[in-house]
C-alpha atoms as a PDB file:
ATOM      1  CA  UNK A   1       9.592  72.750 138.223  1.00  0.00           C
ATOM      2  CA  UNK A   2       9.263  73.167 142.064  1.00  0.00           C
ATOM      3  CA  UNK A   3      11.131  76.112 143.449  1.00  0.00           C
ATOM      4  CA  UNK A   4      12.116  76.930 147.020  1.00  0.00           C
ATOM      5  CA  UNK A   5      10.359  79.565 149.183  1.00  0.00           C
ATOM      6  CA  UNK A   6      13.875  81.410 149.055  1.00  0.00           C
ATOM      7  CA  UNK A   7      13.536  81.695 145.404  1.00  0.00           C
ATOM      8  CA  UNK A   8      10.247  83.345 145.865  1.00  0.00           C
ATOM      9  CA  UNK A   9      11.599  85.877 148.168  1.00  0.00           C
ATOM     10  CA  UNK A  10      14.448  86.614 145.941  1.00  0.00           C
ATOM     11  CA  UNK A  11      12.152  87.114 142.846  1.00  0.00           C
ATOM     12  CA  UNK A  12       9.902  89.373 144.987  1.00  0.00           C
ATOM     13  CA  UNK A  13      12.991  91.520 145.800  1.00  0.00           C
ATOM     14  CA  UNK A  14      14.013  91.727 142.264  1.00  0.00           C
ATOM     15  CA  UNK A  15      10.467  92.712 141.234  1.00  0.00           C
ATOM     16  CA  UNK A  16      10.568  95.445 143.873  1.00  0.00           C
ATOM     17  CA  UNK A  17      13.934  96.662 142.342  1.00  0.00           C
ATOM     18  CA  UNK A  18      12.555  96.586 138.820  1.00  0.00           C
ATOM     19  CA  UNK A  19       9.854  99.037 139.670  1.00  0.00           C
ATOM     20  CA  UNK A  20      12.174 101.213 141.642  1.00  0.00           C
ATOM     21  CA  UNK A  21      14.525 101.337 138.724  1.00  0.00           C
ATOM     22  CA  UNK A  22      11.681 102.141 136.357  1.00  0.00           C
ATOM     23  CA  UNK A  23      10.373 105.077 138.536  1.00  0.00           C
ATOM     24  CA  UNK A  24      13.943 106.420 138.803  1.00  0.00           C
ATOM     25  CA  UNK A  25      14.292 106.279 135.015  1.00  0.00           C
ATOM     26  CA  UNK A  26      11.094 108.227 134.513  1.00  0.00           C
ATOM     27  CA  UNK A  27      12.233 110.893 136.888  1.00  0.00           C
ATOM     28  CA  UNK A  28      15.488 111.099 134.822  1.00  0.00           C
ATOM     29  CA  UNK A  29      13.440 111.307 131.580  1.00  0.00           C
ATOM     30  CA  UNK A  30      11.589 114.177 132.938  1.00  0.00           C
ATOM     31  CA  UNK A  31      14.901 115.929 133.810  1.00  0.00           C
ATOM     32  CA  UNK A  32      16.364 115.401 130.463  1.00  0.00           C
ATOM     33  CA  UNK A  33      13.219 116.436 128.588  1.00  0.00           C
ATOM     34  CA  UNK A  34      11.529 118.868 130.642  1.00  0.00           C
ATOM     35  CA  UNK A  35       8.647 119.683 128.237  1.00  0.00           C
ATOM     36  CA  UNK A  36       8.753 116.903 125.612  1.00  0.00           C
ATOM     37  CA  UNK A  37       6.051 116.000 123.183  1.00  0.00           C
ATOM     38  CA  UNK A  38       4.425 112.597 123.727  1.00  0.00           C
ATOM     39  CA  UNK A  39       6.540 111.153 120.911  1.00  0.00           C
ATOM     40  CA  UNK A  40       9.665 112.537 122.273  1.00  0.00           C
ATOM     41  CA  UNK A  41       9.046 111.199 125.710  1.00  0.00           C
ATOM     42  CA  UNK A  42       8.001 107.551 124.673  1.00  0.00           C
ATOM     43  CA  UNK A  43      10.935 107.430 122.172  1.00  0.00           C
ATOM     44  CA  UNK A  44      13.589 108.477 124.758  1.00  0.00           C
ATOM     45  CA  UNK A  45      16.209 106.046 126.078  1.00  0.00           C
ATOM     46  CA  UNK A  46      14.945 106.835 129.618  1.00  0.00           C
ATOM     47  CA  UNK A  47      11.437 106.171 129.056  1.00  0.00           C
ATOM     48  CA  UNK A  48      12.136 102.821 127.257  1.00  0.00           C
ATOM     49  CA  UNK A  49      14.507 101.839 130.012  1.00  0.00           C
ATOM     50  CA  UNK A  50      11.698 102.404 132.353  1.00  0.00           C
ATOM     51  CA  UNK A  51       9.340 100.169 130.389  1.00  0.00           C
ATOM     52  CA  UNK A  52      11.994  97.578 130.224  1.00  0.00           C
ATOM     53  CA  UNK A  53      12.243  97.703 134.107  1.00  0.00           C
ATOM     54  CA  UNK A  54       8.455  97.494 134.550  1.00  0.00           C
ATOM     55  CA  UNK A  55       8.510  94.366 132.337  1.00  0.00           C
ATOM     56  CA  UNK A  56      11.252  92.931 134.514  1.00  0.00           C
ATOM     57  CA  UNK A  57       9.165  93.662 137.579  1.00  0.00           C
ATOM     58  CA  UNK A  58       6.086  91.834 136.092  1.00  0.00           C
ATOM     59  CA  UNK A  59       8.126  88.794 135.123  1.00  0.00           C
ATOM     60  CA  UNK A  60       9.828  88.449 138.602  1.00  0.00           C
ATOM     61  CA  UNK A  61       6.549  89.267 140.452  1.00  0.00           C
ATOM     62  CA  UNK A  62       4.780  86.552 138.514  1.00  0.00           C
ATOM     63  CA  UNK A  63       7.580  84.080 139.521  1.00  0.00           C
ATOM     64  CA  UNK A  64       7.239  85.129 143.125  1.00  0.00           C
ATOM     65  CA  UNK A  65       3.387  84.613 143.112  1.00  0.00           C
ATOM     66  CA  UNK A  66       3.953  80.938 142.198  1.00  0.00           C
ATOM     67  CA  UNK A  67       5.034  80.433 145.862  1.00  0.00           C
ATOM     68  CA  UNK A  68       3.678  83.325 147.882  1.00  0.00           C
ATOM     69  CA  UNK A  69       0.256  84.445 148.508  1.00  0.00           C
ATOM     70  CA  UNK A  70      -0.682  87.681 146.838  1.00  0.00           C
ATOM     71  CA  UNK A  71      -1.932  89.034 150.089  1.00  0.00           C
ATOM     72  CA  UNK A  72       1.654  88.704 151.361  1.00  0.00           C
ATOM     73  CA  UNK A  73       3.577  89.569 148.227  1.00  0.00           C
ATOM     74  CA  UNK A  74       1.810  92.816 147.502  1.00  0.00           C
ATOM     75  CA  UNK A  75       2.418  94.534 150.814  1.00  0.00           C
ATOM     76  CA  UNK A  76       5.956  93.265 151.144  1.00  0.00           C
ATOM     77  CA  UNK A  77       6.936  94.396 147.478  1.00  0.00           C
ATOM     78  CA  UNK A  78       5.201  97.801 148.054  1.00  0.00           C
ATOM     79  CA  UNK A  79       7.225  98.442 151.184  1.00  0.00           C
ATOM     80  CA  UNK A  80      10.557  97.551 149.523  1.00  0.00           C
ATOM     81  CA  UNK A  81       9.497  99.774 146.577  1.00  0.00           C
ATOM     82  CA  UNK A  82       8.638 102.711 148.837  1.00  0.00           C
ATOM     83  CA  UNK A  83      11.862 102.603 151.008  1.00  0.00           C
ATOM     84  CA  UNK A  84      14.279 101.905 148.069  1.00  0.00           C
ATOM     85  CA  UNK A  85      12.744 104.617 145.812  1.00  0.00           C
ATOM     86  CA  UNK A  86      13.072 107.283 148.675  1.00  0.00           C
ATOM     87  CA  UNK A  87      16.727 106.439 149.378  1.00  0.00           C
ATOM     88  CA  UNK A  88      17.746 106.165 145.762  1.00  0.00           C
ATOM     89  CA  UNK A  89      15.900 109.490 144.841  1.00  0.00           C
ATOM     90  CA  UNK A  90      17.880 111.054 147.707  1.00  0.00           C
ATOM     91  CA  UNK A  91      21.116 109.710 146.326  1.00  0.00           C
ATOM     92  CA  UNK A  92      20.626 110.189 142.681  1.00  0.00           C
ATOM     93  CA  UNK A  93      18.384 113.332 142.532  1.00  0.00           C
ATOM     94  CA  UNK A  94      19.178 115.198 145.883  1.00  0.00           C
ATOM     95  CA  UNK A  95      15.547 114.814 146.697  1.00  0.00           C
ATOM     96  CA  UNK A  96      14.728 115.685 150.453  1.00  0.00           C
ATOM     97  CA  UNK A  97      14.843 112.613 152.864  1.00  0.00           C
ATOM     98  CA  UNK A  98      13.748 113.802 156.249  1.00  0.00           C
ATOM     99  CA  UNK A  99      13.267 112.058 159.652  1.00  0.00           C
ATOM    100  CA  UNK A 100       9.558 112.102 158.657  1.00  0.00           C
ATOM    101  CA  UNK A 101      10.214 109.971 155.617  1.00  0.00           C
ATOM    102  CA  UNK A 102      12.168 107.467 157.731  1.00  0.00           C
ATOM    103  CA  UNK A 103       9.430 107.445 160.501  1.00  0.00           C
ATOM    104  CA  UNK A 104       6.700 106.790 157.759  1.00  0.00           C
ATOM    105  CA  UNK A 105       8.807 104.233 156.033  1.00  0.00           C
ATOM    106  CA  UNK A 106       9.339 102.399 159.381  1.00  0.00           C
ATOM    107  CA  UNK A 107       5.492 102.554 160.121  1.00  0.00           C
ATOM    108  CA  UNK A 108       4.890 101.140 156.674  1.00  0.00           C
ATOM    109  CA  UNK A 109       7.250  98.331 157.254  1.00  0.00           C
ATOM    110  CA  UNK A 110       5.780  97.626 160.659  1.00  0.00           C
ATOM    111  CA  UNK A 111       2.302  97.314 159.269  1.00  0.00           C
ATOM    112  CA  UNK A 112       3.537  95.111 156.391  1.00  0.00           C
ATOM    113  CA  UNK A 113       5.267  92.795 159.017  1.00  0.00           C
ATOM    114  CA  UNK A 114       1.829  92.713 161.117  1.00  0.00           C
ATOM    115  CA  UNK A 115      -0.218  92.077 157.980  1.00  0.00           C
ATOM    116  CA  UNK A 116       1.966  89.280 156.658  1.00  0.00           C
ATOM    117  CA  UNK A 117       1.734  87.482 159.948  1.00  0.00           C
ATOM    118  CA  UNK A 118      -2.089  87.647 159.890  1.00  0.00           C
END
């Protein structure tokens, strides 16, 4: 089945959100279980949710790669993951988000834009 380029960009965004959600669920697992054994950690709801999100990420990233070059997809998805994770960690876990974070994220996004056009 031939898919549109728009589909590829949507699946790439979904892939990035899958990883972002997985990272946030791992953070939550560590907050809920501050000193768990390995068995407690890997059997926790939060950890299993993170694994499900990473699988979601892989499925959608694979779909995106059907249309996009890997040299474009990886930098773009990385930039989305960095920015979204920082913003959501601030919102959900009250992690610091400073002007330096915004400047660094802006530089990363600018670099990705330049790299994607090369």
